[in-house]
Amino acid sequence: MASESILFVEDDARVADAVIKGLAESGYDVRHATSGRGARTQLDQRCPDLMILDLGLPDIDGLDLLAECRAGGMSIPVLILTARDQLDDKVRGLESGGDDYLVKPFAFAELLARIRSLLRRSSGVSAETRVGDLRIDLVKRDVVRDGQEIVLTQREFDLLAYLVRNRNENVTRDMLARDVWKITSRATPIDNVIDVHMSHLREKVDKPFSVRLIKTIRGIGYRLEEPSS
């Protein structure tokens, strides 16, 4: 299973080193930025699954960075990690787009628990979910349709899981590039790569069965639809 990615925005080297070490040992793919400018660069290069954000950055207030990211359409969960411990600070943090707020000093076990909770919530579905006769287990990464086990590659599974989370909604190639391939700056288009992987997925999930779940939406992308009863 691919590691979930975290962007840690923190200018205190001692805090950063300890947290990064702990998160890496817990199986997360961690990237680090020491400033708002560095965070913007990281986000442009690759969208993480979650961001941990300090507020006292050297070049920009973390709340301003957060508001800017939300205004730009960034929807990933954000955990604010800060020494600001007043109630008004917490209210401002959450109203600016933060999903959780943890005050320094903190216990690493609590930080880890909050990260796991945010990532579970952001998945949008329970560990196991069904669409018609298709069953997908997001924890075990198992896929079964009409009682038949379907073996998928890692990328095919991630594609299917994303379609399931957004079922009955149009999914564009830009969305897939950003949220599945984690590419936010599309200097090199990957539409053909996406289409090839989608074709392989449909060969396994749809072609052997009488009802097709994955639809092509011309000029837009794809949609996974609940079959009509």
Protein backbone atom coordinates (compact mmCIF):
# COMPACT_ATOMS: atom_id res chain seq x y z
CA MET A 1 0.00 0.00 0.00
CA ALA A 2 1.36 3.44 -0.91
CA SER A 3 2.38 5.71 1.97
CA GLU A 4 0.05 8.60 2.67
CA SER A 5 1.87 11.88 2.09
CA ILE A 6 2.14 14.74 4.57
CA LEU A 7 3.50 18.24 4.06
CA PHE A 8 4.87 19.61 7.35
CA VAL A 9 5.23 23.40 7.36
CA GLU A 10 7.38 24.31 10.37
CA ASP A 11 10.36 26.65 10.79
CA ASP A 12 11.54 25.34 14.19
CA ALA A 13 14.26 22.84 13.25
CA ARG A 14 14.08 20.94 16.56
CA VAL A 15 10.32 20.43 16.34
CA ALA A 16 10.54 19.58 12.64
CA ASP A 17 13.28 16.98 13.08
CA ALA A 18 11.43 15.17 15.87
CA VAL A 19 8.05 15.14 14.12
CA ILE A 20 9.44 14.14 10.72
CA LYS A 21 11.37 11.26 12.29
CA GLY A 22 8.27 10.03 14.15
CA LEU A 23 5.99 10.29 11.13
CA ALA A 24 8.47 8.52 8.86
CA GLU A 25 8.78 5.70 11.40
CA SER A 26 4.96 5.49 11.39
CA GLY A 27 4.95 4.88 7.64
CA TYR A 28 4.14 8.33 6.26
CA ASP A 29 5.82 10.01 3.30
CA VAL A 30 6.81 13.36 4.82
CA ARG A 31 7.97 16.52 3.05
CA HIS A 32 9.07 19.64 4.89
CA ALA A 33 8.80 23.37 4.25
CA THR A 34 10.21 26.05 6.55
CA SER A 35 8.27 29.02 5.15
CA GLY A 36 5.07 29.99 3.40
CA ARG A 37 6.97 30.41 0.15
CA GLY A 38 8.43 26.93 0.51
CA ALA A 39 4.99 25.50 1.26
CA ARG A 40 3.57 27.07 -1.89
CA THR A 41 6.36 25.52 -3.96
CA GLN A 42 5.78 22.10 -2.42
CA LEU A 43 2.03 22.31 -3.02
CA ASP A 44 2.57 23.34 -6.65
CA GLN A 45 4.84 20.36 -7.21
CA ARG A 46 2.68 17.72 -5.55
CA CYS A 47 -0.52 17.83 -3.54
CA PRO A 48 -0.16 15.86 -0.28
CA ASP A 49 -2.85 13.88 1.50
CA LEU A 50 -2.62 16.15 4.55
CA MET A 51 -0.81 19.31 5.64
CA ILE A 52 0.45 20.09 9.15
CA LEU A 53 0.76 23.87 9.41
CA ASP A 54 2.59 26.06 11.92
CA LEU A 55 1.21 29.59 12.15
CA GLY A 56 4.35 31.54 13.12
CA LEU A 57 6.20 31.30 9.81
CA PRO A 58 9.05 33.72 9.00
CA ASP A 59 7.59 35.20 5.80
CA ILE A 60 3.79 34.93 6.11
CA ASP A 61 1.30 34.18 8.85
CA GLY A 62 0.12 30.60 8.60
CA LEU A 63 -3.53 31.67 8.69
CA ASP A 64 -2.98 33.86 5.63
CA LEU A 65 -1.34 30.94 3.83
CA LEU A 66 -4.23 28.66 4.78
CA ALA A 67 -6.86 31.14 3.60
CA GLU A 68 -4.97 31.56 0.33
CA CYS A 69 -4.83 27.79 -0.21
CA ARG A 70 -8.54 27.33 0.52
CA ALA A 71 -9.44 30.21 -1.79
CA GLY A 72 -7.41 28.48 -4.49
CA GLY A 73 -9.48 25.29 -4.13
CA MET A 74 -7.18 23.17 -1.95
CA SER A 75 -9.40 20.65 -0.15
CA ILE A 76 -6.92 18.43 1.71
CA PRO A 77 -7.23 18.25 5.51
CA VAL A 78 -5.07 20.74 7.40
CA LEU A 79 -3.93 20.23 11.00
CA ILE A 80 -2.79 23.48 12.60
CA LEU A 81 0.12 22.92 15.00
CA THR A 82 1.00 26.08 16.91
CA ALA A 83 1.99 27.67 20.20
CA ARG A 84 -1.00 30.03 19.99
CA ASP A 85 -3.22 28.67 22.77
CA GLN A 86 -5.99 31.24 23.17
CA LEU A 87 -9.58 30.34 22.33
CA ASP A 88 -9.78 33.20 19.82
CA ASP A 89 -6.72 31.80 18.03
CA LYS A 90 -8.32 28.37 17.74
CA VAL A 91 -11.59 29.84 16.47
CA ARG A 92 -9.72 31.88 13.83
CA GLY A 93 -7.72 28.84 12.79
CA LEU A 94 -10.77 26.68 12.27
CA GLU A 95 -12.73 29.45 10.57
CA SER A 96 -9.81 30.08 8.19
CA GLY A 97 -10.04 26.52 6.90
CA GLY A 98 -8.23 24.38 9.46
CA ASP A 99 -9.69 20.94 10.12
CA ASP A 100 -8.06 20.46 13.53
CA TYR A 101 -5.98 22.52 15.96
CA LEU A 102 -3.24 21.22 18.26
CA VAL A 103 -1.28 23.43 20.67
CA LYS A 104 2.45 23.09 21.37
CA PRO A 105 3.87 21.46 23.41
CA PHE A 106 2.07 18.26 22.46
CA ALA A 107 2.39 14.51 22.83
CA PHE A 108 3.41 12.81 19.59
CA ALA A 109 0.86 10.05 20.20
CA GLU A 110 -1.93 12.65 20.15
CA LEU A 111 -0.57 14.22 16.97
CA LEU A 112 -0.51 10.80 15.33
CA ALA A 113 -4.06 10.02 16.45
CA ARG A 114 -5.34 13.31 15.05
CA ILE A 115 -3.56 12.72 11.72
CA ARG A 116 -5.11 9.27 11.40
CA SER A 117 -8.55 10.64 12.23
CA LEU A 118 -8.29 13.40 9.62
CA LEU A 119 -7.09 11.00 6.94
CA ARG A 120 -9.93 8.59 7.69
CA ARG A 121 -12.49 11.36 7.44
CA SER A 122 -11.03 12.71 4.22
CA SER A 123 -11.39 9.35 2.48
CA GLY A 124 -15.15 9.99 2.35
CA VAL A 125 -16.15 6.34 2.62
CA SER A 126 -15.96 3.55 5.18
CA ALA A 127 -13.27 0.88 4.95
CA GLU A 128 -15.63 -1.30 2.90
CA THR A 129 -18.18 0.05 0.47
CA ARG A 130 -20.35 -1.25 -2.37
CA VAL A 131 -21.48 0.05 -5.72
CA GLY A 132 -23.98 -2.37 -7.18
CA ASP A 133 -22.34 -5.81 -7.13
CA LEU A 134 -18.86 -4.27 -6.72
CA ARG A 135 -17.31 -4.39 -3.23
CA ILE A 136 -14.11 -2.54 -2.39
CA ASP A 137 -12.22 -2.71 0.91
CA LEU A 138 -9.99 0.36 1.26
CA VAL A 139 -7.99 -1.07 4.17
CA LYS A 140 -7.27 -4.55 2.80
CA ARG A 141 -7.29 -3.17 -0.77
CA ASP A 142 -9.53 -6.03 -1.89
CA VAL A 143 -11.94 -5.78 -4.82
CA VAL A 144 -14.74 -8.27 -5.50
CA ARG A 145 -17.46 -8.07 -8.14
CA ASP A 146 -20.36 -10.51 -8.38
CA GLY A 147 -18.45 -12.82 -6.05
CA GLN A 148 -15.30 -12.80 -8.22
CA GLU A 149 -12.05 -11.46 -6.78
CA ILE A 150 -10.41 -8.84 -9.02
CA VAL A 151 -6.65 -8.32 -8.82
CA LEU A 152 -5.61 -4.72 -9.46
CA THR A 153 -2.28 -2.95 -9.57
CA GLN A 154 -1.66 -0.25 -6.96
CA ARG A 155 -2.49 2.54 -9.41
CA GLU A 156 -5.61 0.77 -10.68
CA PHE A 157 -6.83 0.36 -7.11
CA ASP A 158 -6.19 4.04 -6.32
CA LEU A 159 -8.14 5.00 -9.45
CA LEU A 160 -11.07 2.80 -8.54
CA ALA A 161 -11.09 4.03 -4.94
CA TYR A 162 -11.21 7.63 -6.18
CA LEU A 163 -14.09 6.87 -8.53
CA VAL A 164 -15.95 5.16 -5.69
CA ARG A 165 -15.47 8.17 -3.41
CA ASN A 166 -16.87 10.38 -6.16
CA ARG A 167 -19.50 7.98 -7.47
CA ASN A 168 -22.32 9.46 -9.54
CA GLU A 169 -20.15 12.56 -10.11
CA ASN A 170 -18.07 13.53 -13.13
CA VAL A 171 -14.34 13.09 -12.51
CA THR A 172 -12.02 15.09 -14.77
CA ARG A 173 -8.52 14.16 -15.82
CA ASP A 174 -7.29 17.22 -13.95
CA MET A 175 -8.85 15.85 -10.77
CA LEU A 176 -7.21 12.46 -11.33
CA ALA A 177 -3.82 14.07 -12.04
CA ARG A 178 -4.05 16.12 -8.85
CA ASP A 179 -5.61 13.64 -6.43
CA VAL A 180 -4.42 10.22 -7.65
CA TRP A 181 -1.09 11.02 -9.32
CA LYS A 182 -0.51 13.93 -6.86
CA ILE A 183 0.51 16.27 -9.69
CA THR A 184 -0.70 19.86 -9.33
CA SER A 185 1.51 21.55 -11.93
CA ARG A 186 0.72 19.91 -15.26
CA ALA A 187 3.67 21.16 -17.32
CA THR A 188 3.82 17.66 -18.77
CA PRO A 189 0.26 16.47 -19.58
CA ILE A 190 -0.48 12.93 -18.41
CA ASP A 191 -3.90 12.53 -20.03
CA ASN A 192 -2.69 9.57 -22.11
CA VAL A 193 -1.24 7.90 -19.02
CA ILE A 194 -4.53 8.36 -17.18
CA ASP A 195 -6.53 6.97 -20.11
CA VAL A 196 -4.29 3.90 -20.39
CA HIS A 197 -4.64 3.10 -16.69
CA MET A 198 -8.39 3.66 -16.89
CA SER A 199 -8.62 1.31 -19.85
CA HIS A 200 -6.79 -1.41 -17.90
CA LEU A 201 -9.09 -0.84 -14.92
CA ARG A 202 -12.21 -1.17 -17.06
CA GLU A 203 -10.91 -4.38 -18.63
CA LYS A 204 -10.89 -5.92 -15.16
CA VAL A 205 -13.81 -4.26 -13.40
CA ASP A 206 -16.33 -3.81 -16.23
CA LYS A 207 -15.64 -5.88 -19.33
CA PRO A 208 -16.34 -9.35 -17.86
CA PHE A 209 -19.72 -8.25 -16.49
CA SER A 210 -23.07 -7.42 -18.07
CA VAL A 211 -23.49 -4.04 -16.37
CA ARG A 212 -20.85 -1.36 -16.98
CA LEU A 213 -20.17 0.87 -13.97
CA ILE A 214 -17.49 3.21 -15.38
CA LYS A 215 -18.73 5.66 -18.00
CA THR A 216 -16.72 7.94 -20.29
CA ILE A 217 -18.03 11.50 -20.20
CA ARG A 218 -16.94 12.99 -23.51
CA GLY A 219 -14.87 16.15 -23.17
CA ILE A 220 -14.82 15.86 -19.37
CA GLY A 221 -13.50 12.56 -18.04
CA TYR A 222 -15.18 9.65 -16.29
CA ARG A 223 -17.99 8.75 -13.94
CA LEU A 224 -18.69 5.65 -11.84
CA GLU A 225 -22.45 5.21 -11.63
CA GLU A 226 -24.62 3.26 -9.26
CA PRO A 227 -26.60 0.81 -11.44
CA SER A 228 -30.30 1.58 -11.68
CA SER A 229 -32.48 -0.88 -9.78
